[in-house]
Amino acid sequence: MSEPARGFQFPGEFEIAVMGEAGAGLEQVLPDTLEALGLTVFRDSLRTRPSSKGRFVSVTVRFEAQSRDDYNAADGALRARPEVKWILS
C-alpha cells in the first residue's frame, strides 16, 4: 500500500486568505493581484469575514496554480501589497 502524497500537488487549486484593515478594498485587491499574475481565480469562491471589533477583515479566494513558482509568485505579490497586513493561507 503506497503512502498518500503530502504537501502541495501541482497543478492544483489552492485557497489563500489575506487580512488587512476593513475598508482597504481587499475584496478587489486579492483577486486582481492574482489575476495580474495570469492565474485563474475562482471569484465565486470569494469569502470575507470581519474581525470581532470590525477593524480588520479577512478575505479568502480559491485560485489555480500550475507550479510551485506560480504559488510563490502569488504569495510574493500579495506580501508586496500595502493593503495586505497578513497572509493566512
N, C-alpha and C. Protein backbone atom coordinates (compact mmCIF):
# COMPACT_ATOMS: atom_id res chain seq x y z
N MET A 1 0.85 -1.17 0.00
CA MET A 1 0.00 0.00 0.00
C MET A 1 0.90 1.24 0.00
N SER A 2 0.68 2.13 -0.94
CA SER A 2 1.53 3.31 -1.03
C SER A 2 1.02 4.41 -0.10
N GLU A 3 1.94 5.23 0.33
CA GLU A 3 1.61 6.35 1.20
C GLU A 3 1.01 7.48 0.37
N PRO A 4 -0.06 8.13 0.87
CA PRO A 4 -0.65 9.23 0.10
C PRO A 4 0.33 10.38 -0.05
N ALA A 5 0.20 11.11 -1.15
CA ALA A 5 1.06 12.25 -1.41
C ALA A 5 0.82 13.33 -0.35
N ARG A 6 1.88 14.00 0.02
CA ARG A 6 1.79 15.06 1.02
C ARG A 6 2.22 16.37 0.41
N GLY A 7 1.76 17.45 1.02
CA GLY A 7 2.15 18.76 0.56
C GLY A 7 1.34 19.20 -0.64
N PHE A 8 1.81 20.23 -1.28
CA PHE A 8 1.13 20.79 -2.43
C PHE A 8 1.30 19.89 -3.65
N GLN A 9 0.25 19.74 -4.41
CA GLN A 9 0.29 18.99 -5.66
C GLN A 9 -0.01 19.95 -6.80
N PHE A 10 0.87 20.03 -7.78
CA PHE A 10 0.69 20.94 -8.91
C PHE A 10 0.51 20.15 -10.18
N PRO A 11 -0.28 20.67 -11.12
CA PRO A 11 -1.14 21.85 -10.96
C PRO A 11 -2.26 21.54 -9.96
N GLY A 12 -2.83 22.61 -9.41
CA GLY A 12 -3.90 22.40 -8.45
C GLY A 12 -4.62 23.68 -8.09
N GLU A 13 -5.70 23.51 -7.36
CA GLU A 13 -6.47 24.64 -6.84
C GLU A 13 -6.10 24.83 -5.38
N PHE A 14 -5.91 26.09 -5.01
CA PHE A 14 -5.49 26.43 -3.66
C PHE A 14 -6.36 27.56 -3.13
N GLU A 15 -6.44 27.63 -1.83
CA GLU A 15 -7.16 28.72 -1.19
C GLU A 15 -6.13 29.59 -0.49
N ILE A 16 -6.30 30.88 -0.63
CA ILE A 16 -5.40 31.81 0.05
C ILE A 16 -6.25 32.86 0.73
N ALA A 17 -5.84 33.25 1.91
CA ALA A 17 -6.56 34.26 2.68
C ALA A 17 -5.59 35.36 3.08
N VAL A 18 -6.07 36.57 3.02
CA VAL A 18 -5.29 37.72 3.46
C VAL A 18 -6.11 38.49 4.48
N MET A 19 -5.41 39.27 5.29
CA MET A 19 -6.08 40.08 6.28
C MET A 19 -5.50 41.48 6.23
N GLY A 20 -6.40 42.45 6.41
CA GLY A 20 -5.99 43.85 6.43
C GLY A 20 -7.08 44.68 7.05
N GLU A 21 -6.88 45.97 7.03
CA GLU A 21 -7.87 46.87 7.62
C GLU A 21 -9.16 46.84 6.81
N ALA A 22 -10.28 46.87 7.52
CA ALA A 22 -11.58 46.94 6.86
C ALA A 22 -11.61 48.23 6.05
N GLY A 23 -12.21 48.17 4.90
CA GLY A 23 -12.29 49.35 4.04
C GLY A 23 -11.09 49.54 3.13
N ALA A 24 -10.11 48.64 3.19
CA ALA A 24 -8.91 48.76 2.36
C ALA A 24 -9.12 48.20 0.95
N GLY A 25 -10.30 47.61 0.71
CA GLY A 25 -10.60 47.09 -0.62
C GLY A 25 -10.00 45.73 -0.92
N LEU A 26 -9.72 44.95 0.12
CA LEU A 26 -9.11 43.64 -0.10
C LEU A 26 -9.96 42.72 -0.96
N GLU A 27 -11.27 42.92 -0.96
CA GLU A 27 -12.17 42.09 -1.77
C GLU A 27 -11.83 42.23 -3.25
N GLN A 28 -11.26 43.35 -3.64
CA GLN A 28 -10.87 43.58 -5.03
C GLN A 28 -9.37 43.34 -5.21
N VAL A 29 -8.58 43.76 -4.22
CA VAL A 29 -7.12 43.63 -4.30
C VAL A 29 -6.69 42.18 -4.45
N LEU A 30 -7.26 41.29 -3.65
CA LEU A 30 -6.84 39.89 -3.67
C LEU A 30 -7.02 39.25 -5.04
N PRO A 31 -8.24 39.21 -5.58
CA PRO A 31 -8.37 38.55 -6.90
C PRO A 31 -7.66 39.30 -8.02
N ASP A 32 -7.67 40.63 -7.97
CA ASP A 32 -7.00 41.40 -9.02
C ASP A 32 -5.50 41.12 -9.05
N THR A 33 -4.88 41.02 -7.87
CA THR A 33 -3.44 40.76 -7.79
C THR A 33 -3.10 39.39 -8.37
N LEU A 34 -3.91 38.40 -8.04
CA LEU A 34 -3.67 37.05 -8.56
C LEU A 34 -3.88 36.99 -10.07
N GLU A 35 -4.94 37.63 -10.55
CA GLU A 35 -5.20 37.63 -12.00
C GLU A 35 -4.12 38.38 -12.77
N ALA A 36 -3.54 39.42 -12.17
CA ALA A 36 -2.47 40.17 -12.83
C ALA A 36 -1.24 39.29 -13.07
N LEU A 37 -1.12 38.22 -12.29
CA LEU A 37 -0.03 37.26 -12.48
C LEU A 37 -0.37 36.20 -13.53
N GLY A 38 -1.57 36.27 -14.09
CA GLY A 38 -2.00 35.29 -15.08
C GLY A 38 -2.62 34.05 -14.47
N LEU A 39 -2.92 34.09 -13.17
CA LEU A 39 -3.52 32.94 -12.50
C LEU A 39 -5.03 32.94 -12.67
N THR A 40 -5.62 31.77 -12.71
CA THR A 40 -7.07 31.64 -12.76
C THR A 40 -7.61 31.78 -11.35
N VAL A 41 -8.51 32.74 -11.15
CA VAL A 41 -9.12 33.00 -9.84
C VAL A 41 -10.59 32.62 -9.92
N PHE A 42 -11.05 31.88 -8.96
CA PHE A 42 -12.45 31.50 -8.88
C PHE A 42 -13.17 32.52 -8.02
N ARG A 43 -13.57 33.62 -8.66
CA ARG A 43 -14.15 34.75 -7.94
C ARG A 43 -15.42 34.37 -7.17
N ASP A 44 -16.14 33.35 -7.63
CA ASP A 44 -17.35 32.94 -6.91
C ASP A 44 -17.03 32.28 -5.57
N SER A 45 -15.76 31.98 -5.33
CA SER A 45 -15.36 31.38 -4.05
C SER A 45 -14.98 32.43 -3.01
N LEU A 46 -14.95 33.70 -3.40
CA LEU A 46 -14.50 34.76 -2.50
C LEU A 46 -15.38 34.85 -1.26
N ARG A 47 -14.73 34.86 -0.10
CA ARG A 47 -15.44 34.99 1.18
C ARG A 47 -14.75 36.07 2.01
N THR A 48 -15.54 36.79 2.78
CA THR A 48 -14.99 37.79 3.69
C THR A 48 -15.46 37.49 5.10
N ARG A 49 -14.64 37.91 6.04
CA ARG A 49 -15.00 37.72 7.45
C ARG A 49 -14.41 38.87 8.25
N PRO A 50 -15.27 39.67 8.87
CA PRO A 50 -14.76 40.78 9.67
C PRO A 50 -14.20 40.29 11.02
N SER A 51 -13.28 41.03 11.57
CA SER A 51 -12.77 40.71 12.91
C SER A 51 -13.86 41.03 13.94
N SER A 52 -13.68 40.57 15.14
CA SER A 52 -14.71 40.74 16.16
C SER A 52 -15.05 42.20 16.43
N LYS A 53 -14.09 43.08 16.31
CA LYS A 53 -14.35 44.50 16.53
C LYS A 53 -14.57 45.27 15.23
N GLY A 54 -14.47 44.57 14.09
CA GLY A 54 -14.73 45.19 12.80
C GLY A 54 -13.61 46.04 12.24
N ARG A 55 -12.48 46.07 12.90
CA ARG A 55 -11.38 46.89 12.41
C ARG A 55 -10.65 46.24 11.23
N PHE A 56 -10.62 44.92 11.24
CA PHE A 56 -9.93 44.17 10.19
C PHE A 56 -10.91 43.26 9.47
N VAL A 57 -10.49 42.79 8.30
CA VAL A 57 -11.28 41.83 7.54
C VAL A 57 -10.34 40.80 6.93
N SER A 58 -10.79 39.55 6.90
CA SER A 58 -10.04 38.54 6.16
C SER A 58 -10.82 38.23 4.89
N VAL A 59 -10.08 38.04 3.82
CA VAL A 59 -10.67 37.74 2.52
C VAL A 59 -9.99 36.47 2.00
N THR A 60 -10.80 35.53 1.58
CA THR A 60 -10.31 34.23 1.10
C THR A 60 -10.82 34.00 -0.31
N VAL A 61 -9.98 33.42 -1.16
CA VAL A 61 -10.39 33.08 -2.52
C VAL A 61 -9.60 31.85 -2.97
N ARG A 62 -10.20 31.07 -3.87
CA ARG A 62 -9.51 29.94 -4.49
C ARG A 62 -8.90 30.38 -5.81
N PHE A 63 -7.75 29.78 -6.12
CA PHE A 63 -7.11 30.07 -7.40
C PHE A 63 -6.38 28.82 -7.87
N GLU A 64 -6.01 28.83 -9.13
CA GLU A 64 -5.31 27.69 -9.71
C GLU A 64 -3.85 28.07 -9.96
N ALA A 65 -2.96 27.20 -9.53
CA ALA A 65 -1.53 27.39 -9.77
C ALA A 65 -1.02 26.18 -10.54
N GLN A 66 -0.27 26.43 -11.58
CA GLN A 66 0.29 25.36 -12.39
C GLN A 66 1.57 24.78 -11.80
N SER A 67 2.24 25.58 -10.96
CA SER A 67 3.53 25.16 -10.42
C SER A 67 3.79 25.83 -9.08
N ARG A 68 4.81 25.36 -8.39
CA ARG A 68 5.23 25.98 -7.13
C ARG A 68 5.63 27.43 -7.38
N ASP A 69 6.25 27.70 -8.54
CA ASP A 69 6.62 29.08 -8.88
C ASP A 69 5.41 29.98 -8.94
N ASP A 70 4.30 29.50 -9.53
CA ASP A 70 3.06 30.28 -9.58
C ASP A 70 2.58 30.60 -8.17
N TYR A 71 2.59 29.58 -7.31
CA TYR A 71 2.12 29.76 -5.94
C TYR A 71 3.01 30.77 -5.20
N ASN A 72 4.31 30.63 -5.35
CA ASN A 72 5.24 31.55 -4.70
C ASN A 72 5.10 32.97 -5.23
N ALA A 73 4.83 33.11 -6.53
CA ALA A 73 4.62 34.43 -7.12
C ALA A 73 3.37 35.09 -6.52
N ALA A 74 2.32 34.29 -6.32
CA ALA A 74 1.09 34.82 -5.70
C ALA A 74 1.38 35.31 -4.29
N ASP A 75 2.09 34.51 -3.53
CA ASP A 75 2.43 34.88 -2.16
C ASP A 75 3.27 36.17 -2.14
N GLY A 76 4.26 36.24 -2.98
CA GLY A 76 5.13 37.42 -3.03
C GLY A 76 4.39 38.67 -3.46
N ALA A 77 3.53 38.55 -4.46
CA ALA A 77 2.78 39.71 -4.94
C ALA A 77 1.83 40.23 -3.87
N LEU A 78 1.22 39.32 -3.12
CA LEU A 78 0.31 39.75 -2.05
C LEU A 78 1.08 40.38 -0.89
N ARG A 79 2.23 39.84 -0.56
CA ARG A 79 3.05 40.42 0.52
C ARG A 79 3.50 41.83 0.16
N ALA A 80 3.66 42.11 -1.12
CA ALA A 80 4.11 43.43 -1.56
C ALA A 80 3.00 44.49 -1.53
N ARG A 81 1.76 44.05 -1.39
CA ARG A 81 0.63 44.99 -1.38
C ARG A 81 0.52 45.65 -0.01
N PRO A 82 0.48 46.98 0.05
CA PRO A 82 0.38 47.66 1.35
C PRO A 82 -0.93 47.39 2.08
N GLU A 83 -1.98 47.03 1.35
CA GLU A 83 -3.27 46.75 1.98
C GLU A 83 -3.27 45.43 2.75
N VAL A 84 -2.35 44.53 2.38
CA VAL A 84 -2.30 43.21 3.00
C VAL A 84 -1.38 43.26 4.21
N LYS A 85 -1.96 43.02 5.38
CA LYS A 85 -1.17 43.02 6.61
C LYS A 85 -0.65 41.63 6.92
N TRP A 86 -1.47 40.59 6.65
CA TRP A 86 -1.09 39.21 6.93
C TRP A 86 -1.63 38.30 5.83
N ILE A 87 -0.88 37.23 5.54
CA ILE A 87 -1.35 36.18 4.66
C ILE A 87 -1.66 34.98 5.55
N LEU A 88 -2.86 34.44 5.43
CA LEU A 88 -3.34 33.41 6.34
C LEU A 88 -3.44 32.04 5.70
N SER A 89 -2.89 31.86 4.53
CA SER A 89 -3.06 30.58 3.83
C SER A 89 -2.37 29.45 4.53
